Amino acid sequence: MKKLAFITLLALAGITLQACQGTGASEKDNDKTTQQQASAQNPTQTQQTSDDEGEKAAIQLNKETFKQKVVDYENEDTWNFKGDKPCLVDFYADWCAPCRITSPILEDLAKEYKDQIHVYKVDVDKYQELAAAFGVRGIPSFLYCPSEGKPTMSSGIGGTREETKKMFRQNIEKYLLNN
C-alpha cells in the first residue's frame, strides 16, 4: 500500500520518465560492438577509474543507504529529501552498454561538481524493488534530486560521449543548481 502511495506521490510531484531507446536484452548481444565503437571514439574511455584519485567519485547505494541519503520511499508519504546537497542518481546495470558509456562520464562529473552535488549509482539488477519504486523501466535512468523542490527523472543518453556529457551538465545546472 505504501509503495502505491509513494508512486502516486512521485507522479504528483511531477517526476517524468522518458523512454530510453536502445536498451534492453538485445544490448547484451551487441555488447562488444558498442564497447569497441565507444573505444574507437575515445580510446581513453575504457579506463573506468581516474588515475588522479584512485577511487570512484560516484557512490554506490543500496536500499538502506538510498533511504538515508535520498528519500525514505517506504515510510514516508511525501517527498522529503534526506541529502546534504543535491544529487543525481544513476539507475544502471552492468550488462547495459549505454550504462557503461555513461559511467566514466558520471565519474568525471562527480569530480567536477564534488563540492556542489553527489552522484549516486543504483544497480537495478541488485535492487529491483528500489528501481520499481521509481518506475524505472528503461536504463540508464537518472533521478535529479534538488535540495528543495520536486525531483525529475530522465532516461537515455546522447548520440556521442560529448553530447551525453553536455546533456548531464545542462540537467545538473537546470534541475540541481538552478542556473
C-alpha atoms as a PDB file:
ATOM      1  CA  MET A   1       0.000   0.000   0.000  1.00  0.00           C
ATOM      2  CA  LYS A   2       2.815   2.421   0.877  1.00  0.00           C
ATOM      3  CA  LYS A   3       4.562   1.645  -2.442  1.00  0.00           C
ATOM      4  CA  LEU A   4       1.442   2.548  -4.388  1.00  0.00           C
ATOM      5  CA  ALA A   5       1.055   5.731  -2.342  1.00  0.00           C
ATOM      6  CA  PHE A   6       4.700   6.619  -2.981  1.00  0.00           C
ATOM      7  CA  ILE A   7       4.404   6.012  -6.730  1.00  0.00           C
ATOM      8  CA  THR A   8       1.318   8.221  -6.720  1.00  0.00           C
ATOM      9  CA  LEU A   9       3.309  10.815  -4.762  1.00  0.00           C
ATOM     10  CA  LEU A  10       6.062  10.720  -7.398  1.00  0.00           C
ATOM     11  CA  ALA A  11       3.502  11.279 -10.130  1.00  0.00           C
ATOM     12  CA  LEU A  12       2.005  14.195  -8.214  1.00  0.00           C
ATOM     13  CA  ALA A  13       5.493  15.587  -7.591  1.00  0.00           C
ATOM     14  CA  GLY A  14       5.904  15.874 -11.319  1.00  0.00           C
ATOM     15  CA  ILE A  15       8.534  13.230 -11.908  1.00  0.00           C
ATOM     16  CA  THR A  16       8.576  12.373 -15.574  1.00  0.00           C
ATOM     17  CA  LEU A  17      10.132   9.297 -17.072  1.00  0.00           C
ATOM     18  CA  GLN A  18      11.080   9.352 -20.722  1.00  0.00           C
ATOM     19  CA  ALA A  19      11.517   6.087 -22.566  1.00  0.00           C
ATOM     20  CA  CYS A  20      15.074   5.086 -23.296  1.00  0.00           C
ATOM     21  CA  GLN A  21      15.715   3.839 -26.796  1.00  0.00           C
ATOM     22  CA  GLY A  22      18.300   1.225 -27.467  1.00  0.00           C
ATOM     23  CA  THR A  23      18.460  -0.524 -24.098  1.00  0.00           C
ATOM     24  CA  GLY A  24      17.307  -3.945 -23.066  1.00  0.00           C
ATOM     25  CA  ALA A  25      18.229  -7.584 -23.517  1.00  0.00           C
ATOM     26  CA  SER A  26      19.315  -7.058 -27.129  1.00  0.00           C
ATOM     27  CA  GLU A  27      22.109  -4.845 -25.803  1.00  0.00           C
ATOM     28  CA  LYS A  28      23.764  -7.931 -24.344  1.00  0.00           C
ATOM     29  CA  ASP A  29      24.214  -9.299 -27.847  1.00  0.00           C
ATOM     30  CA  ASN A  30      25.696  -6.077 -29.195  1.00  0.00           C
ATOM     31  CA  ASP A  31      27.835  -5.522 -26.133  1.00  0.00           C
ATOM     32  CA  LYS A  32      31.276  -5.960 -27.693  1.00  0.00           C
ATOM     33  CA  THR A  33      30.402  -3.909 -30.781  1.00  0.00           C
ATOM     34  CA  THR A  34      29.146  -0.982 -28.710  1.00  0.00           C
ATOM     35  CA  GLN A  35      32.189  -1.125 -26.461  1.00  0.00           C
ATOM     36  CA  GLN A  36      34.511  -1.203 -29.479  1.00  0.00           C
ATOM     37  CA  GLN A  37      32.683   1.771 -31.025  1.00  0.00           C
ATOM     38  CA  ALA A  38      32.945   3.726 -27.780  1.00  0.00           C
ATOM     39  CA  SER A  39      36.640   2.889 -27.532  1.00  0.00           C
ATOM     40  CA  ALA A  40      37.214   3.977 -31.109  1.00  0.00           C
ATOM     41  CA  GLN A  41      35.533   7.334 -30.415  1.00  0.00           C
ATOM     42  CA  ASN A  42      37.567   7.889 -27.263  1.00  0.00           C
ATOM     43  CA  PRO A  43      40.431   5.463 -26.624  1.00  0.00           C
ATOM     44  CA  THR A  44      40.844   6.587 -23.006  1.00  0.00           C
ATOM     45  CA  GLN A  45      37.189   5.921 -22.224  1.00  0.00           C
ATOM     46  CA  THR A  46      37.763   2.247 -21.426  1.00  0.00           C
ATOM     47  CA  GLN A  47      39.654   3.239 -18.284  1.00  0.00           C
ATOM     48  CA  GLN A  48      36.899   3.318 -15.667  1.00  0.00           C
ATOM     49  CA  THR A  49      38.780   4.930 -12.783  1.00  0.00           C
ATOM     50  CA  SER A  50      40.822   8.081 -12.847  1.00  0.00           C
ATOM     51  CA  ASP A  51      44.497   7.927 -12.094  1.00  0.00           C
ATOM     52  CA  ASP A  52      44.454  11.106 -10.025  1.00  0.00           C
ATOM     53  CA  GLU A  53      42.238   9.878  -7.189  1.00  0.00           C
ATOM     54  CA  GLY A  54      42.315   6.089  -7.495  1.00  0.00           C
ATOM     55  CA  GLU A  55      38.759   5.632  -6.247  1.00  0.00           C
ATOM     56  CA  LYS A  56      35.289   6.135  -7.648  1.00  0.00           C
ATOM     57  CA  ALA A  57      33.686   9.534  -7.150  1.00  0.00           C
ATOM     58  CA  ALA A  58      30.174   8.220  -7.805  1.00  0.00           C
ATOM     59  CA  ILE A  59      28.829   6.445  -4.731  1.00  0.00           C
ATOM     60  CA  GLN A  60      27.067   3.075  -4.916  1.00  0.00           C
ATOM     61  CA  LEU A  61      23.809   2.951  -2.963  1.00  0.00           C
ATOM     62  CA  ASN A  62      21.812   0.016  -1.691  1.00  0.00           C
ATOM     63  CA  LYS A  63      18.232   0.160  -0.457  1.00  0.00           C
ATOM     64  CA  GLU A  64      19.158   1.283   3.070  1.00  0.00           C
ATOM     65  CA  THR A  65      21.709   3.925   2.064  1.00  0.00           C
ATOM     66  CA  PHE A  66      19.268   5.234  -0.554  1.00  0.00           C
ATOM     67  CA  LYS A  67      16.655   5.726   2.158  1.00  0.00           C
ATOM     68  CA  GLN A  68      19.232   7.550   4.327  1.00  0.00           C
ATOM     69  CA  LYS A  69      20.797   9.776   1.648  1.00  0.00           C
ATOM     70  CA  VAL A  70      17.963  10.412  -0.825  1.00  0.00           C
ATOM     71  CA  VAL A  71      14.427   9.631   0.345  1.00  0.00           C
ATOM     72  CA  ASP A  72      12.760   7.061   2.591  1.00  0.00           C
ATOM     73  CA  TYR A  73      10.301   5.901  -0.041  1.00  0.00           C
ATOM     74  CA  GLU A  74       8.919   3.100   2.146  1.00  0.00           C
ATOM     75  CA  ASN A  75       7.993   5.012   5.295  1.00  0.00           C
ATOM     76  CA  GLU A  76       7.037   8.492   4.107  1.00  0.00           C
ATOM     77  CA  ASP A  77       4.030   9.623   2.146  1.00  0.00           C
ATOM     78  CA  THR A  78       5.575  12.903   0.986  1.00  0.00           C
ATOM     79  CA  TRP A  79       8.816  13.701  -0.814  1.00  0.00           C
ATOM     80  CA  ASN A  80      11.313  14.516   1.946  1.00  0.00           C
ATOM     81  CA  PHE A  81      14.833  14.767   0.544  1.00  0.00           C
ATOM     82  CA  LYS A  82      17.401  13.474   3.040  1.00  0.00           C
ATOM     83  CA  GLY A  83      20.633  14.659   1.424  1.00  0.00           C
ATOM     84  CA  ASP A  84      23.019  17.406   2.468  1.00  0.00           C
ATOM     85  CA  LYS A  85      23.363  18.603  -1.152  1.00  0.00           C
ATOM     86  CA  PRO A  86      21.510  17.911  -4.405  1.00  0.00           C
ATOM     87  CA  CYS A  87      22.116  14.569  -6.068  1.00  0.00           C
ATOM     88  CA  LEU A  88      21.959  12.727  -9.341  1.00  0.00           C
ATOM     89  CA  VAL A  89      21.024   9.044  -9.045  1.00  0.00           C
ATOM     90  CA  ASP A  90      22.039   6.762 -11.926  1.00  0.00           C
ATOM     91  CA  PHE A  91      19.872   3.627 -12.231  1.00  0.00           C
ATOM     92  CA  TYR A  92      22.040   1.212 -14.247  1.00  0.00           C
ATOM     93  CA  ALA A  93      23.015  -2.408 -14.907  1.00  0.00           C
ATOM     94  CA  ASP A  94      26.452  -3.822 -15.632  1.00  0.00           C
ATOM     95  CA  TRP A  95      25.250  -5.575 -18.804  1.00  0.00           C
ATOM     96  CA  CYS A  96      23.800  -2.363 -20.293  1.00  0.00           C
ATOM     97  CA  ALA A  97      26.073  -0.858 -22.972  1.00  0.00           C
ATOM     98  CA  PRO A  98      24.684   2.716 -22.685  1.00  0.00           C
ATOM     99  CA  CYS A  99      25.130   2.451 -18.902  1.00  0.00           C
ATOM    100  CA  ARG A 100      28.789   1.579 -19.378  1.00  0.00           C
ATOM    101  CA  ILE A 101      29.174   4.575 -21.680  1.00  0.00           C
ATOM    102  CA  THR A 102      27.718   6.910 -19.047  1.00  0.00           C
ATOM    103  CA  SER A 103      29.757   5.507 -16.158  1.00  0.00           C
ATOM    104  CA  PRO A 104      33.061   7.317 -16.896  1.00  0.00           C
ATOM    105  CA  ILE A 105      31.138  10.480 -17.801  1.00  0.00           C
ATOM    106  CA  LEU A 106      29.370  10.454 -14.433  1.00  0.00           C
ATOM    107  CA  GLU A 107      32.692   9.787 -12.693  1.00  0.00           C
ATOM    108  CA  ASP A 108      34.140  12.893 -14.359  1.00  0.00           C
ATOM    109  CA  LEU A 109      31.097  14.977 -13.442  1.00  0.00           C
ATOM    110  CA  ALA A 110      31.096  13.697  -9.853  1.00  0.00           C
ATOM    111  CA  LYS A 111      34.636  15.035  -9.522  1.00  0.00           C
ATOM    112  CA  GLU A 112      33.866  18.266 -11.363  1.00  0.00           C
ATOM    113  CA  TYR A 113      30.810  19.049  -9.208  1.00  0.00           C
ATOM    114  CA  LYS A 114      32.088  17.390  -5.994  1.00  0.00           C
ATOM    115  CA  ASP A 115      31.502  20.480  -3.838  1.00  0.00           C
ATOM    116  CA  GLN A 116      28.002  21.059  -5.221  1.00  0.00           C
ATOM    117  CA  ILE A 117      26.275  17.696  -5.756  1.00  0.00           C
ATOM    118  CA  HIS A 118      26.518  13.981  -5.028  1.00  0.00           C
ATOM    119  CA  VAL A 119      26.429  11.401  -7.815  1.00  0.00           C
ATOM    120  CA  TYR A 120      24.933   8.093  -6.727  1.00  0.00           C
ATOM    121  CA  LYS A 121      24.533   4.787  -8.562  1.00  0.00           C
ATOM    122  CA  VAL A 122      21.897   2.080  -8.050  1.00  0.00           C
ATOM    123  CA  ASP A 123      22.304  -1.328  -9.705  1.00  0.00           C
ATOM    124  CA  VAL A 124      18.796  -2.223 -10.888  1.00  0.00           C
ATOM    125  CA  ASP A 125      19.627  -5.941 -11.022  1.00  0.00           C
ATOM    126  CA  LYS A 126      20.543  -5.982  -7.330  1.00  0.00           C
ATOM    127  CA  TYR A 127      17.877  -3.527  -6.166  1.00  0.00           C
ATOM    128  CA  GLN A 128      14.858  -4.244  -8.364  1.00  0.00           C
ATOM    129  CA  GLU A 129      12.427  -3.106  -5.685  1.00  0.00           C
ATOM    130  CA  LEU A 130      14.117   0.283  -5.491  1.00  0.00           C
ATOM    131  CA  ALA A 131      14.070   0.706  -9.281  1.00  0.00           C
ATOM    132  CA  ALA A 132      10.394  -0.317  -9.369  1.00  0.00           C
ATOM    133  CA  ALA A 133       9.513   2.208  -6.666  1.00  0.00           C
ATOM    134  CA  PHE A 134      10.693   4.954  -9.031  1.00  0.00           C
ATOM    135  CA  GLY A 135       9.079   3.491 -12.130  1.00  0.00           C
ATOM    136  CA  VAL A 136      12.379   2.681 -13.830  1.00  0.00           C
ATOM    137  CA  ARG A 137      11.503   0.701 -16.945  1.00  0.00           C
ATOM    138  CA  GLY A 138      14.431   1.573 -19.186  1.00  0.00           C
ATOM    139  CA  ILE A 139      18.071   2.070 -18.350  1.00  0.00           C
ATOM    140  CA  PRO A 140      20.059   4.096 -17.923  1.00  0.00           C
ATOM    141  CA  SER A 141      17.625   6.290 -15.994  1.00  0.00           C
ATOM    142  CA  PHE A 142      18.567   9.321 -13.943  1.00  0.00           C
ATOM    143  CA  LEU A 143      16.851  10.851 -10.923  1.00  0.00           C
ATOM    144  CA  TYR A 144      17.773  14.511 -10.298  1.00  0.00           C
ATOM    145  CA  CYS A 145      17.024  15.460  -6.675  1.00  0.00           C
ATOM    146  CA  PRO A 146      17.388  19.135  -5.751  1.00  0.00           C
ATOM    147  CA  SER A 147      17.861  20.095  -2.106  1.00  0.00           C
ATOM    148  CA  GLU A 148      14.418  21.673  -2.195  1.00  0.00           C
ATOM    149  CA  GLY A 149      11.570  21.047  -4.556  1.00  0.00           C
ATOM    150  CA  LYS A 150      10.476  18.204  -6.769  1.00  0.00           C
ATOM    151  CA  PRO A 151      12.754  15.554  -8.277  1.00  0.00           C
ATOM    152  CA  THR A 152      12.967  14.979 -12.015  1.00  0.00           C
ATOM    153  CA  MET A 153      13.531  11.666 -13.797  1.00  0.00           C
ATOM    154  CA  SER A 154      15.048  11.282 -17.246  1.00  0.00           C
ATOM    155  CA  SER A 155      16.283   8.378 -19.322  1.00  0.00           C
ATOM    156  CA  GLY A 156      18.663   7.734 -22.176  1.00  0.00           C
ATOM    157  CA  ILE A 157      21.926   9.220 -23.423  1.00  0.00           C
ATOM    158  CA  GLY A 158      23.144  11.418 -26.264  1.00  0.00           C
ATOM    159  CA  GLY A 159      24.401  10.207 -29.619  1.00  0.00           C
ATOM    160  CA  THR A 160      28.030  10.822 -28.661  1.00  0.00           C
ATOM    161  CA  ARG A 161      30.058  10.983 -25.478  1.00  0.00           C
ATOM    162  CA  GLU A 162      30.295  14.772 -25.820  1.00  0.00           C
ATOM    163  CA  GLU A 163      26.525  15.152 -26.325  1.00  0.00           C
ATOM    164  CA  THR A 164      25.875  12.937 -23.299  1.00  0.00           C
ATOM    165  CA  LYS A 165      28.232  14.949 -21.096  1.00  0.00           C
ATOM    166  CA  LYS A 166      26.627  18.187 -22.323  1.00  0.00           C
ATOM    167  CA  MET A 167      23.158  16.760 -21.538  1.00  0.00           C
ATOM    168  CA  PHE A 168      24.225  15.893 -17.985  1.00  0.00           C
ATOM    169  CA  ARG A 169      25.763  19.335 -17.420  1.00  0.00           C
ATOM    170  CA  GLN A 170      22.611  21.071 -18.658  1.00  0.00           C
ATOM    171  CA  ASN A 171      20.389  18.908 -16.453  1.00  0.00           C
ATOM    172  CA  ILE A 172      22.632  19.394 -13.418  1.00  0.00           C
ATOM    173  CA  GLU A 173      22.561  23.159 -13.902  1.00  0.00           C
ATOM    174  CA  LYS A 174      18.799  23.230 -14.566  1.00  0.00           C
ATOM    175  CA  TYR A 175      17.473  20.721 -12.024  1.00  0.00           C
ATOM    176  CA  LEU A 176      20.079  20.699  -9.257  1.00  0.00           C
ATOM    177  CA  LEU A 177      21.856  24.054  -9.239  1.00  0.00           C
ATOM    178  CA  ASN A 178      19.037  26.181 -10.701  1.00  0.00           C
ATOM    179  CA  ASN A 179      21.404  28.106 -13.010  1.00  0.00           C
END
